C-alpha atoms as a PDB file:
ATOM      1  CA  MET A   1       0.000   0.000   0.000  1.00  0.00           C
ATOM      2  CA  ASN A   2       1.481   3.371  -0.947  1.00  0.00           C
ATOM      3  CA  SER A   3       1.758   6.111   1.623  1.00  0.00           C
ATOM      4  CA  ARG A   4      -0.828   8.328  -0.070  1.00  0.00           C
ATOM      5  CA  LEU A   5      -3.477   5.612   0.060  1.00  0.00           C
ATOM      6  CA  ALA A   6      -2.583   4.866   3.681  1.00  0.00           C
ATOM      7  CA  ARG A   7      -2.993   8.511   4.621  1.00  0.00           C
ATOM      8  CA  GLN A   8      -6.375   8.629   2.876  1.00  0.00           C
ATOM      9  CA  ARG A   9      -7.565   5.599   4.827  1.00  0.00           C
ATOM     10  CA  VAL A  10      -6.360   7.077   8.108  1.00  0.00           C
ATOM     11  CA  ARG A  11      -8.237  10.311   7.321  1.00  0.00           C
ATOM     12  CA  MET A  12     -11.366   8.329   6.450  1.00  0.00           C
ATOM     13  CA  LEU A  13     -11.116   6.318   9.682  1.00  0.00           C
ATOM     14  CA  CYS A  14     -10.598   9.450  11.761  1.00  0.00           C
ATOM     15  CA  GLY A  15     -13.553  11.075  10.054  1.00  0.00           C
ATOM     16  CA  ALA A  16     -15.733   8.068  10.737  1.00  0.00           C
ATOM     17  CA  LEU A  17     -14.680   7.961  14.380  1.00  0.00           C
ATOM     18  CA  GLY A  18     -15.385  11.665  14.668  1.00  0.00           C
ATOM     19  CA  MET A  19     -18.859  11.177  13.257  1.00  0.00           C
ATOM     20  CA  VAL A  20     -19.513   8.330  15.698  1.00  0.00           C
ATOM     21  CA  ALA A  21     -18.281  10.451  18.618  1.00  0.00           C
ATOM     22  CA  ALA A  22     -20.393  13.378  17.500  1.00  0.00           C
ATOM     23  CA  GLY A  23     -23.387  11.088  17.187  1.00  0.00           C
ATOM     24  CA  LEU A  24     -22.859   9.688  20.680  1.00  0.00           C
ATOM     25  CA  PHE A  25     -22.474  13.180  22.131  1.00  0.00           C
ATOM     26  CA  ALA A  26     -25.615  14.362  20.370  1.00  0.00           C
ATOM     27  CA  ALA A  27     -27.489  11.295  21.622  1.00  0.00           C
ATOM     28  CA  ALA A  28     -26.354  11.948  25.192  1.00  0.00           C
ATOM     29  CA  GLY A  29     -27.383  15.574  24.891  1.00  0.00           C
ATOM     30  CA  ALA A  30     -30.790  14.589  23.573  1.00  0.00           C
ATOM     31  CA  GLN A  31     -31.112  12.064  26.401  1.00  0.00           C
ATOM     32  CA  ALA A  32     -30.450  14.819  28.929  1.00  0.00           C
ATOM     33  CA  GLU A  33     -33.072  17.061  27.308  1.00  0.00           C
ATOM     34  CA  THR A  34     -35.714  14.359  27.591  1.00  0.00           C
ATOM     35  CA  PHE A  35     -34.631  13.066  31.017  1.00  0.00           C
ATOM     36  CA  PRO A  36     -36.401  11.582  32.797  1.00  0.00           C
ATOM     37  CA  GLY A  37     -38.303   9.597  30.213  1.00  0.00           C
ATOM     38  CA  LYS A  38     -39.843   7.274  32.781  1.00  0.00           C
ATOM     39  CA  ALA A  39     -40.126   6.721  36.530  1.00  0.00           C
ATOM     40  CA  VAL A  40     -37.001   7.359  38.564  1.00  0.00           C
ATOM     41  CA  THR A  41     -36.096   5.009  41.399  1.00  0.00           C
ATOM     42  CA  LEU A  42     -34.394   6.195  44.568  1.00  0.00           C
ATOM     43  CA  VAL A  43     -32.781   3.090  46.043  1.00  0.00           C
ATOM     44  CA  VAL A  44     -32.443   3.138  49.831  1.00  0.00           C
ATOM     45  CA  PRO A  45     -29.991   0.425  50.976  1.00  0.00           C
ATOM     46  CA  THR A  46     -31.585   0.193  54.436  1.00  0.00           C
ATOM     47  CA  PRO A  47     -35.051  -0.711  55.792  1.00  0.00           C
ATOM     48  CA  ALA A  48     -37.876   1.805  55.750  1.00  0.00           C
ATOM     49  CA  ALA A  49     -38.166   4.450  58.462  1.00  0.00           C
ATOM     50  CA  GLY A  50     -34.426   4.918  58.947  1.00  0.00           C
ATOM     51  CA  PRO A  51     -32.384   8.094  58.362  1.00  0.00           C
ATOM     52  CA  ILE A  52     -31.568   7.361  54.699  1.00  0.00           C
ATOM     53  CA  ASP A  53     -35.213   6.524  54.034  1.00  0.00           C
ATOM     54  CA  PHE A  54     -36.138   9.859  55.644  1.00  0.00           C
ATOM     55  CA  PHE A  55     -34.246  11.794  52.973  1.00  0.00           C
ATOM     56  CA  ALA A  56     -35.495   9.684  50.072  1.00  0.00           C
ATOM     57  CA  ARG A  57     -39.161   9.980  51.062  1.00  0.00           C
ATOM     58  CA  ASN A  58     -38.957  13.726  51.560  1.00  0.00           C
ATOM     59  CA  LEU A  59     -37.175  14.255  48.238  1.00  0.00           C
ATOM     60  CA  SER A  60     -39.303  11.939  46.102  1.00  0.00           C
ATOM     61  CA  PRO A  61     -42.481  14.108  45.878  1.00  0.00           C
ATOM     62  CA  LEU A  62     -40.438  17.245  45.178  1.00  0.00           C
ATOM     63  CA  LEU A  63     -38.482  15.550  42.391  1.00  0.00           C
ATOM     64  CA  SER A  64     -41.656  13.981  40.988  1.00  0.00           C
ATOM     65  CA  THR A  65     -43.224  17.427  40.705  1.00  0.00           C
ATOM     66  CA  ARG A  66     -40.100  18.855  39.077  1.00  0.00           C
ATOM     67  CA  TRP A  67     -39.692  16.044  36.554  1.00  0.00           C
ATOM     68  CA  GLY A  68     -43.307  15.193  35.855  1.00  0.00           C
ATOM     69  CA  GLN A  69     -42.543  11.527  36.421  1.00  0.00           C
ATOM     70  CA  PRO A  70     -43.063   9.184  39.379  1.00  0.00           C
ATOM     71  CA  VAL A  71     -40.084   9.049  41.747  1.00  0.00           C
ATOM     72  CA  VAL A  72     -40.272   5.758  43.602  1.00  0.00           C
ATOM     73  CA  VAL A  73     -38.449   4.877  46.831  1.00  0.00           C
ATOM     74  CA  ASP A  74     -37.181   1.291  46.768  1.00  0.00           C
ATOM     75  CA  ASN A  75     -35.792  -0.092  50.040  1.00  0.00           C
ATOM     76  CA  LYS A  76     -33.128  -2.748  49.392  1.00  0.00           C
ATOM     77  CA  PRO A  77     -31.556  -3.587  52.775  1.00  0.00           C
ATOM     78  CA  GLY A  78     -28.957  -6.263  53.346  1.00  0.00           C
ATOM     79  CA  ALA A  79     -25.258  -6.703  54.121  1.00  0.00           C
ATOM     80  CA  GLY A  80     -25.207  -3.371  55.900  1.00  0.00           C
ATOM     81  CA  THR A  81     -25.900  -1.066  52.992  1.00  0.00           C
ATOM     82  CA  ALA A  82     -24.000  -3.150  50.454  1.00  0.00           C
ATOM     83  CA  LEU A  83     -26.772  -5.031  48.617  1.00  0.00           C
ATOM     84  CA  GLY A  84     -28.776  -1.951  47.688  1.00  0.00           C
ATOM     85  CA  THR A  85     -25.631  -0.066  46.791  1.00  0.00           C
ATOM     86  CA  GLN A  86     -24.444  -2.900  44.561  1.00  0.00           C
ATOM     87  CA  ALA A  87     -27.821  -2.882  42.787  1.00  0.00           C
ATOM     88  CA  VAL A  88     -27.338   0.763  41.826  1.00  0.00           C
ATOM     89  CA  ALA A  89     -23.687   0.292  40.890  1.00  0.00           C
ATOM     90  CA  ARG A  90     -24.743  -2.423  38.430  1.00  0.00           C
ATOM     91  CA  ALA A  91     -27.927  -0.679  37.223  1.00  0.00           C
ATOM     92  CA  ARG A  92     -28.364   0.796  33.766  1.00  0.00           C
ATOM     93  CA  ALA A  93     -26.453   4.069  33.778  1.00  0.00           C
ATOM     94  CA  ASP A  94     -29.156   6.347  32.379  1.00  0.00           C
ATOM     95  CA  GLY A  95     -30.018   8.423  35.463  1.00  0.00           C
ATOM     96  CA  HIS A  96     -33.252   6.591  36.218  1.00  0.00           C
ATOM     97  CA  THR A  97     -31.788   4.604  39.131  1.00  0.00           C
ATOM     98  CA  LEU A  98     -30.155   6.609  41.909  1.00  0.00           C
ATOM     99  CA  LEU A  99     -28.765   5.720  45.316  1.00  0.00           C
ATOM    100  CA  VAL A 100     -29.544   7.614  48.514  1.00  0.00           C
ATOM    101  CA  ALA A 101     -26.726   6.678  50.863  1.00  0.00           C
ATOM    102  CA  ASN A 102     -24.696   7.710  53.860  1.00  0.00           C
ATOM    103  CA  ILE A 103     -21.045   7.623  54.829  1.00  0.00           C
ATOM    104  CA  ALA A 104     -21.255   3.842  55.333  1.00  0.00           C
ATOM    105  CA  ILE A 105     -20.796   3.136  51.627  1.00  0.00           C
ATOM    106  CA  SER A 106     -17.330   4.713  51.715  1.00  0.00           C
ATOM    107  CA  ALA A 107     -16.158   2.241  54.381  1.00  0.00           C
ATOM    108  CA  HIS A 108     -17.456  -0.908  52.662  1.00  0.00           C
ATOM    109  CA  GLY A 109     -14.194  -1.563  50.831  1.00  0.00           C
ATOM    110  CA  ALA A 110     -12.392  -1.723  54.189  1.00  0.00           C
ATOM    111  CA  LEU A 111     -14.958  -3.743  56.114  1.00  0.00           C
ATOM    112  CA  ALA A 112     -15.813  -6.466  53.604  1.00  0.00           C
ATOM    113  CA  LYS A 113     -13.604  -9.442  52.802  1.00  0.00           C
ATOM    114  CA  VAL A 114     -15.074  -9.488  49.314  1.00  0.00           C
ATOM    115  CA  PRO A 115     -16.531  -6.031  48.572  1.00  0.00           C
ATOM    116  CA  LEU A 116     -19.793  -6.079  46.632  1.00  0.00           C
ATOM    117  CA  PHE A 117     -18.967  -2.802  44.896  1.00  0.00           C
ATOM    118  CA  ASP A 118     -16.119  -0.364  44.336  1.00  0.00           C
ATOM    119  CA  VAL A 119     -17.330   2.996  45.603  1.00  0.00           C
ATOM    120  CA  GLU A 120     -14.631   4.944  43.733  1.00  0.00           C
ATOM    121  CA  ARG A 121     -15.067   3.228  40.350  1.00  0.00           C
ATOM    122  CA  GLU A 122     -18.690   2.158  40.156  1.00  0.00           C
ATOM    123  CA  LEU A 123     -20.510   5.164  41.631  1.00  0.00           C
ATOM    124  CA  THR A 124     -20.387   8.881  40.966  1.00  0.00           C
ATOM    125  CA  PRO A 125     -21.697  11.636  43.286  1.00  0.00           C
ATOM    126  CA  VAL A 126     -24.785  13.585  42.286  1.00  0.00           C
ATOM    127  CA  ALA A 127     -25.338  15.748  45.366  1.00  0.00           C
ATOM    128  CA  MET A 128     -24.470  16.068  49.017  1.00  0.00           C
ATOM    129  CA  VAL A 129     -27.689  16.318  51.019  1.00  0.00           C
ATOM    130  CA  ALA A 130     -26.981  16.745  54.727  1.00  0.00           C
ATOM    131  CA  SER A 131     -24.795  15.748  57.622  1.00  0.00           C
ATOM    132  CA  THR A 132     -25.151  15.270  61.339  1.00  0.00           C
ATOM    133  CA  PRO A 133     -22.652  14.750  64.133  1.00  0.00           C
ATOM    134  CA  TYR A 134     -22.500  11.885  66.572  1.00  0.00           C
ATOM    135  CA  PHE A 135     -23.529  12.302  70.184  1.00  0.00           C
ATOM    136  CA  VAL A 136     -21.853  10.428  73.028  1.00  0.00           C
ATOM    137  CA  ILE A 137     -25.004   8.954  74.584  1.00  0.00           C
ATOM    138  CA  ALA A 138     -25.268   7.394  78.029  1.00  0.00           C
ATOM    139  CA  PRO A 139     -28.148   6.030  80.154  1.00  0.00           C
ATOM    140  CA  GLU A 140     -29.934   7.984  82.841  1.00  0.00           C
ATOM    141  CA  LYS A 141     -27.852   6.625  85.743  1.00  0.00           C
ATOM    142  CA  SER A 142     -24.479   7.211  84.087  1.00  0.00           C
ATOM    143  CA  PRO A 143     -21.945   9.818  85.266  1.00  0.00           C
ATOM    144  CA  GLU A 144     -23.345  13.244  84.470  1.00  0.00           C
ATOM    145  CA  THR A 145     -20.382  14.538  82.447  1.00  0.00           C
ATOM    146  CA  LEU A 146     -18.095  13.176  79.754  1.00  0.00           C
ATOM    147  CA  GLU A 147     -15.074  13.816  81.975  1.00  0.00           C
ATOM    148  CA  ALA A 148     -16.599  11.775  84.793  1.00  0.00           C
ATOM    149  CA  LEU A 149     -17.385   8.892  82.444  1.00  0.00           C
ATOM    150  CA  VAL A 150     -13.840   8.956  81.036  1.00  0.00           C
ATOM    151  CA  ALA A 151     -12.399   8.994  84.563  1.00  0.00           C
ATOM    152  CA  TYR A 152     -14.489   5.947  85.458  1.00  0.00           C
ATOM    153  CA  GLY A 153     -13.419   4.167  82.300  1.00  0.00           C
ATOM    154  CA  LYS A 154      -9.730   4.820  82.950  1.00  0.00           C
ATOM    155  CA  ALA A 155     -10.028   3.648  86.544  1.00  0.00           C
ATOM    156  CA  ASN A 156     -11.932   0.520  85.485  1.00  0.00           C
ATOM    157  CA  PRO A 157     -10.437  -0.804  82.219  1.00  0.00           C
ATOM    158  CA  ASP A 158     -12.845  -2.856  80.080  1.00  0.00           C
ATOM    159  CA  LYS A 159     -15.729  -2.391  82.547  1.00  0.00           C
ATOM    160  CA  LEU A 160     -17.509   0.118  80.333  1.00  0.00           C
ATOM    161  CA  ASN A 161     -19.860  -1.650  77.938  1.00  0.00           C
ATOM    162  CA  VAL A 162     -20.034   0.267  74.669  1.00  0.00           C
ATOM    163  CA  ALA A 163     -22.661  -0.536  72.048  1.00  0.00           C
ATOM    164  CA  ILE A 164     -21.594  -0.916  68.429  1.00  0.00           C
ATOM    165  CA  ILE A 165     -23.118  -1.933  65.125  1.00  0.00           C
ATOM    166  CA  PRO A 166     -20.371  -4.393  64.139  1.00  0.00           C
ATOM    167  CA  ASN A 167     -18.378  -3.935  60.945  1.00  0.00           C
ATOM    168  CA  SER A 168     -19.952  -0.580  60.236  1.00  0.00           C
ATOM    169  CA  GLN A 169     -18.858   3.030  59.996  1.00  0.00           C
ATOM    170  CA  GLN A 170     -20.206   3.473  63.514  1.00  0.00           C
ATOM    171  CA  HIS A 171     -17.938   0.641  64.703  1.00  0.00           C
ATOM    172  CA  LEU A 172     -14.909   2.359  63.171  1.00  0.00           C
ATOM    173  CA  ASP A 173     -15.826   5.723  64.641  1.00  0.00           C
ATOM    174  CA  THR A 174     -16.433   4.212  68.083  1.00  0.00           C
ATOM    175  CA  ALA A 175     -12.905   2.797  67.966  1.00  0.00           C
ATOM    176  CA  ARG A 176     -11.614   6.272  67.133  1.00  0.00           C
ATOM    177  CA  LEU A 177     -13.621   7.778  69.997  1.00  0.00           C
ATOM    178  CA  LEU A 178     -12.317   5.344  72.614  1.00  0.00           C
ATOM    179  CA  SER A 179      -8.755   5.910  71.390  1.00  0.00           C
ATOM    180  CA  VAL A 180      -9.109   9.686  71.696  1.00  0.00           C
ATOM    181  CA  LEU A 181     -10.722   9.368  75.137  1.00  0.00           C
ATOM    182  CA  GLY A 182      -7.943   7.011  76.237  1.00  0.00           C
ATOM    183  CA  VAL A 183     -10.443   4.431  77.491  1.00  0.00           C
ATOM    184  CA  LYS A 184     -10.440   0.647  77.135  1.00  0.00           C
ATOM    185  CA  ALA A 185     -13.952  -0.764  76.936  1.00  0.00           C
ATOM    186  CA  THR A 186     -15.883  -3.904  76.066  1.00  0.00           C
ATOM    187  CA  LEU A 187     -17.639  -3.582  72.715  1.00  0.00           C
ATOM    188  CA  ILE A 188     -21.141  -5.086  72.691  1.00  0.00           C
ATOM    189  CA  PRO A 189     -22.528  -5.791  69.190  1.00  0.00           C
ATOM    190  CA  TYR A 190     -26.135  -5.028  68.208  1.00  0.00           C
ATOM    191  CA  PRO A 191     -27.864  -5.334  64.823  1.00  0.00           C
ATOM    192  CA  GLY A 192     -29.023  -1.711  64.727  1.00  0.00           C
ATOM    193  CA  THR A 193     -29.878   1.520  66.505  1.00  0.00           C
ATOM    194  CA  ALA A 194     -33.322   0.439  67.756  1.00  0.00           C
ATOM    195  CA  PRO A 195     -32.058  -2.444  69.935  1.00  0.00           C
ATOM    196  CA  ILE A 196     -29.169  -0.281  71.103  1.00  0.00           C
ATOM    197  CA  THR A 197     -31.604   2.398  72.221  1.00  0.00           C
ATOM    198  CA  ARG A 198     -33.571  -0.172  74.207  1.00  0.00           C
ATOM    199  CA  ALA A 199     -30.362  -1.466  75.789  1.00  0.00           C
ATOM    200  CA  LEU A 200     -29.300   2.061  76.726  1.00  0.00           C
ATOM    201  CA  VAL A 201     -32.645   2.865  78.344  1.00  0.00           C
ATOM    202  CA  ALA A 202     -32.487  -0.432  80.270  1.00  0.00           C
ATOM    203  CA  GLY A 203     -28.952   0.359  81.449  1.00  0.00           C
ATOM    204  CA  GLU A 204     -27.509  -2.730  79.756  1.00  0.00           C
ATOM    205  CA  VAL A 205     -24.775  -0.682  78.060  1.00  0.00           C
ATOM    206  CA  ASP A 206     -22.930   2.390  79.284  1.00  0.00           C
ATOM    207  CA  LEU A 207     -22.231   4.265  76.091  1.00  0.00           C
ATOM    208  CA  PHE A 208     -23.242   4.628  72.447  1.00  0.00           C
ATOM    209  CA  LEU A 209     -21.843   6.837  69.738  1.00  0.00           C
ATOM    210  CA  GLY A 210     -24.973   7.629  67.749  1.00  0.00           C
ATOM    211  CA  THR A 211     -26.686  10.357  65.791  1.00  0.00           C
ATOM    212  CA  LEU A 212     -29.575  12.460  67.015  1.00  0.00           C
ATOM    213  CA  ALA A 213     -32.143  10.577  64.904  1.00  0.00           C
ATOM    214  CA  GLY A 214     -34.783   9.129  67.228  1.00  0.00           C
ATOM    215  CA  MET A 215     -32.918  10.150  70.390  1.00  0.00           C
ATOM    216  CA  GLN A 216     -34.447  13.550  71.183  1.00  0.00           C
ATOM    217  CA  PRO A 217     -37.541  12.172  73.022  1.00  0.00           C
ATOM    218  CA  PHE A 218     -35.259  10.172  75.342  1.00  0.00           C
ATOM    219  CA  PHE A 219     -33.130  13.256  75.984  1.00  0.00           C
ATOM    220  CA  ASP A 220     -36.275  15.253  76.729  1.00  0.00           C
ATOM    221  CA  ASN A 221     -37.635  12.748  79.269  1.00  0.00           C
ATOM    222  CA  GLY A 222     -34.237  12.162  80.874  1.00  0.00           C
ATOM    223  CA  ARG A 223     -34.020   8.462  80.065  1.00  0.00           C
ATOM    224  CA  LEU A 224     -30.851   9.086  78.050  1.00  0.00           C
ATOM    225  CA  ARG A 225     -28.141  11.713  78.445  1.00  0.00           C
ATOM    226  CA  PRO A 226     -26.004  13.316  75.695  1.00  0.00           C
ATOM    227  CA  LEU A 227     -22.555  13.848  77.207  1.00  0.00           C
ATOM    228  CA  GLY A 228     -20.802  15.293  74.180  1.00  0.00           C
ATOM    229  CA  VAL A 229     -21.095  15.995  70.465  1.00  0.00           C
ATOM    230  CA  THR A 230     -18.550  15.380  67.702  1.00  0.00           C
ATOM    231  CA  SER A 231     -19.282  18.560  65.741  1.00  0.00           C
ATOM    232  CA  ASP A 232     -16.833  21.457  65.716  1.00  0.00           C
ATOM    233  CA  LYS A 233     -19.359  23.690  67.498  1.00  0.00           C
ATOM    234  CA  PRO A 234     -22.426  23.097  69.712  1.00  0.00           C
ATOM    235  CA  TRP A 235     -25.463  21.632  67.993  1.00  0.00           C
ATOM    236  CA  PRO A 236     -28.224  24.262  67.516  1.00  0.00           C
ATOM    237  CA  THR A 237     -30.998  22.298  69.243  1.00  0.00           C
ATOM    238  CA  LEU A 238     -28.774  21.087  72.095  1.00  0.00           C
ATOM    239  CA  PRO A 239     -26.505  24.068  72.764  1.00  0.00           C
ATOM    240  CA  LYS A 240     -25.588  22.955  76.292  1.00  0.00           C
ATOM    241  CA  VAL A 241     -24.047  19.671  75.118  1.00  0.00           C
ATOM    242  CA  PRO A 242     -20.277  20.296  74.950  1.00  0.00           C
ATOM    243  CA  THR A 243     -18.225  19.493  71.888  1.00  0.00           C
ATOM    244  CA  LEU A 244     -15.457  16.959  72.406  1.00  0.00           C
ATOM    245  CA  GLN A 245     -12.960  19.601  71.318  1.00  0.00           C
ATOM    246  CA  SER A 246     -14.115  21.967  74.058  1.00  0.00           C
ATOM    247  CA  ARG A 247     -13.293  19.256  76.596  1.00  0.00           C
ATOM    248  CA  GLY A 248      -9.817  18.674  75.246  1.00  0.00           C
ATOM    249  CA  PHE A 249     -10.556  15.667  73.029  1.00  0.00           C
ATOM    250  CA  SER A 250      -9.381  16.225  69.465  1.00  0.00           C
ATOM    251  CA  LEU A 251     -12.083  14.540  67.426  1.00  0.00           C
ATOM    252  CA  VAL A 252     -14.571  15.914  64.896  1.00  0.00           C
ATOM    253  CA  LEU A 253     -16.878  13.450  63.125  1.00  0.00           C
ATOM    254  CA  ASP A 254     -19.577  14.578  60.722  1.00  0.00           C
ATOM    255  CA  PRO A 255     -21.401  11.639  59.063  1.00  0.00           C
ATOM    256  CA  TRP A 256     -22.995  12.662  55.753  1.00  0.00           C
ATOM    257  CA  TYR A 257     -25.842  11.692  53.434  1.00  0.00           C
ATOM    258  CA  ALA A 258     -25.581  11.971  49.649  1.00  0.00           C
ATOM    259  CA  ILE A 259     -27.030  10.839  46.343  1.00  0.00           C
ATOM    260  CA  PHE A 260     -25.062   8.772  43.820  1.00  0.00           C
ATOM    261  CA  ALA A 261     -25.559   7.470  40.284  1.00  0.00           C
ATOM    262  CA  PRO A 262     -23.897   4.616  38.396  1.00  0.00           C
ATOM    263  CA  ALA A 263     -20.417   5.720  37.320  1.00  0.00           C
ATOM    264  CA  LYS A 264     -21.055   5.517  33.558  1.00  0.00           C
ATOM    265  CA  THR A 265     -24.076   7.821  33.576  1.00  0.00           C
ATOM    266  CA  PRO A 266     -23.656  10.214  30.600  1.00  0.00           C
ATOM    267  CA  ALA A 267     -22.206  13.594  31.521  1.00  0.00           C
ATOM    268  CA  PRO A 268     -25.192  15.628  30.183  1.00  0.00           C
ATOM    269  CA  VAL A 269     -27.612  13.512  32.245  1.00  0.00           C
ATOM    270  CA  LEU A 270     -25.416  13.912  35.320  1.00  0.00           C
ATOM    271  CA  ALA A 271     -25.315  17.657  34.780  1.00  0.00           C
ATOM    272  CA  LYS A 272     -29.117  17.836  34.672  1.00  0.00           C
ATOM    273  CA  LEU A 273     -29.445  15.592  37.717  1.00  0.00           C
ATOM    274  CA  ARG A 274     -27.013  17.734  39.679  1.00  0.00           C
ATOM    275  CA  ALA A 275     -28.668  21.000  38.702  1.00  0.00           C
ATOM    276  CA  ASP A 276     -32.157  19.719  39.504  1.00  0.00           C
ATOM    277  CA  LEU A 277     -31.060  18.199  42.811  1.00  0.00           C
ATOM    278  CA  GLN A 278     -29.296  21.370  43.904  1.00  0.00           C
ATOM    279  CA  GLU A 279     -32.426  23.437  43.277  1.00  0.00           C
ATOM    280  CA  THR A 280     -34.640  20.873  44.996  1.00  0.00           C
ATOM    281  CA  LEU A 281     -32.386  20.761  48.054  1.00  0.00           C
ATOM    282  CA  GLN A 282     -32.966  24.502  48.498  1.00  0.00           C
ATOM    283  CA  ASN A 283     -36.694  23.979  48.980  1.00  0.00           C
ATOM    284  CA  LEU A 284     -37.513  25.720  52.262  1.00  0.00           C
ATOM    285  CA  GLU A 285     -40.007  23.087  53.425  1.00  0.00           C
ATOM    286  CA  PHE A 286     -37.488  20.324  52.753  1.00  0.00           C
ATOM    287  CA  LYS A 287     -34.716  22.183  54.602  1.00  0.00           C
ATOM    288  CA  LYS A 288     -37.011  22.679  57.596  1.00  0.00           C
ATOM    289  CA  LYS A 289     -37.776  18.950  57.708  1.00  0.00           C
ATOM    290  CA  VAL A 290     -34.047  18.213  57.578  1.00  0.00           C
ATOM    291  CA  VAL A 291     -33.305  20.506  60.507  1.00  0.00           C
ATOM    292  CA  ASP A 292     -36.330  19.294  62.491  1.00  0.00           C
ATOM    293  CA  GLY A 293     -35.141  15.731  61.879  1.00  0.00           C
ATOM    294  CA  GLY A 294     -31.817  16.435  63.563  1.00  0.00           C
ATOM    295  CA  TYR A 295     -29.680  17.056  60.484  1.00  0.00           C
ATOM    296  CA  MET A 296     -27.989  20.013  58.869  1.00  0.00           C
ATOM    297  CA  PRO A 297     -28.366  20.743  55.143  1.00  0.00           C
ATOM    298  CA  ARG A 298     -24.949  20.495  53.524  1.00  0.00           C
ATOM    299  CA  GLN A 299     -23.582  21.366  50.117  1.00  0.00           C
ATOM    300  CA  ALA A 300     -20.479  20.130  48.339  1.00  0.00           C
ATOM    301  CA  THR A 301     -19.381  19.876  44.732  1.00  0.00           C
ATOM    302  CA  PRO A 302     -19.236  16.409  43.141  1.00  0.00           C
ATOM    303  CA  GLU A 303     -15.450  16.690  43.180  1.00  0.00           C
ATOM    304  CA  GLU A 304     -15.489  17.441  46.900  1.00  0.00           C
ATOM    305  CA  VAL A 305     -17.790  14.488  47.570  1.00  0.00           C
ATOM    306  CA  SER A 306     -15.454  12.210  45.614  1.00  0.00           C
ATOM    307  CA  ARG A 307     -12.503  13.387  47.709  1.00  0.00           C
ATOM    308  CA  ILE A 308     -14.475  12.880  50.936  1.00  0.00           C
ATOM    309  CA  VAL A 309     -15.438   9.354  49.884  1.00  0.00           C
ATOM    310  CA  SER A 310     -11.851   8.413  48.976  1.00  0.00           C
ATOM    311  CA  GLU A 311     -10.450   9.913  52.178  1.00  0.00           C
ATOM    312  CA  ASN A 312     -12.942   8.042  54.344  1.00  0.00           C
ATOM    313  CA  LEU A 313     -12.105   4.783  52.581  1.00  0.00           C
ATOM    314  CA  ARG A 314      -8.400   5.379  53.238  1.00  0.00           C
ATOM    315  CA  VAL A 315      -8.972   6.185  56.918  1.00  0.00           C
ATOM    316  CA  SER A 316     -11.315   3.199  57.282  1.00  0.00           C
ATOM    317  CA  ARG A 317      -8.634   0.823  56.017  1.00  0.00           C
ATOM    318  CA  GLU A 318      -6.169   2.287  58.514  1.00  0.00           C
ATOM    319  CA  LEU A 319      -8.648   1.839  61.372  1.00  0.00           C
ATOM    320  CA  VAL A 320      -9.399  -1.756  60.401  1.00  0.00           C
ATOM    321  CA  ARG A 321      -5.689  -2.547  60.616  1.00  0.00           C
ATOM    322  CA  ALA A 322      -5.041  -0.482  63.746  1.00  0.00           C
ATOM    323  CA  TYR A 323      -7.889  -1.997  65.778  1.00  0.00           C
ATOM    324  CA  ASN A 324      -7.707  -5.516  64.340  1.00  0.00           C
ATOM    325  CA  ILE A 325     -11.269  -5.341  63.064  1.00  0.00           C
ATOM    326  CA  GLN A 326     -11.973  -8.493  61.075  1.00  0.00           C
ATOM    327  CA  PRO A 327     -13.654  -7.810  57.720  1.00  0.00           C
ATOM    328  CA  GLU A 328     -16.745  -9.929  57.117  1.00  0.00           C
END
């Protein structure tokens, strides 16, 4: 083949590839203009009535009104949050299947022997929704201050019973808390927050690192006592609860909630999703429900969310090694 003919064929191939690329780009753009073309599913990887479900069910009617399509909440619990998350990671990447998740998905790669998904490669952030700190929660008959509880724990190694949800983000963060407090304790596993709350009220455990969700009535009636908060400043609805930092313990933890899509979702569809979600998250009624529910609305760019996810995965792997937590 002479060089002239070869060059002609290369030009023809490049032209054909360019036309294909242009066609794909135009198709993606058209897809974004018509999105959504059918019902959108918000997958919640936990049972109904939990914190993640709270966000999905308050967003679904607002998004349905905006898009003119049904927005269905589909609870897919199992393996922590891994089964529902895997379902979205493997779903058709057209924007019609989204994941409402929390910080737990960014620790899965550290806590599972055989991860069911790769959070960095198979999912892409759409929007940050909210965050909430942990509270150091103790039963009614516990020491009245965090300092007093820490003093008891140091004087009585391993006598404090601390509730955990095993092989979870909460488990990792409890290990960090005890390390910062300088306390050795016995970790008591429970399958979820509801049985832990019952155990706390009954005085069966001495401590739980949990969020505000569902706890306020027990604080109000005195059955449970918040001894500290992991935010960097006092929580608005509980201003008298000291931050850990204010008591000399260097720890700030701010568990988040966010929305993700399958990683290969076309860029124009992602752009529309992100724009529509950002506007919806500014809805005043929605923001009030978030605050009343014990959360704080939070914004972050997709790039920032990706960095947060990767950083938490890195820290989670370090904690698993440091505290000899056995992946399941």
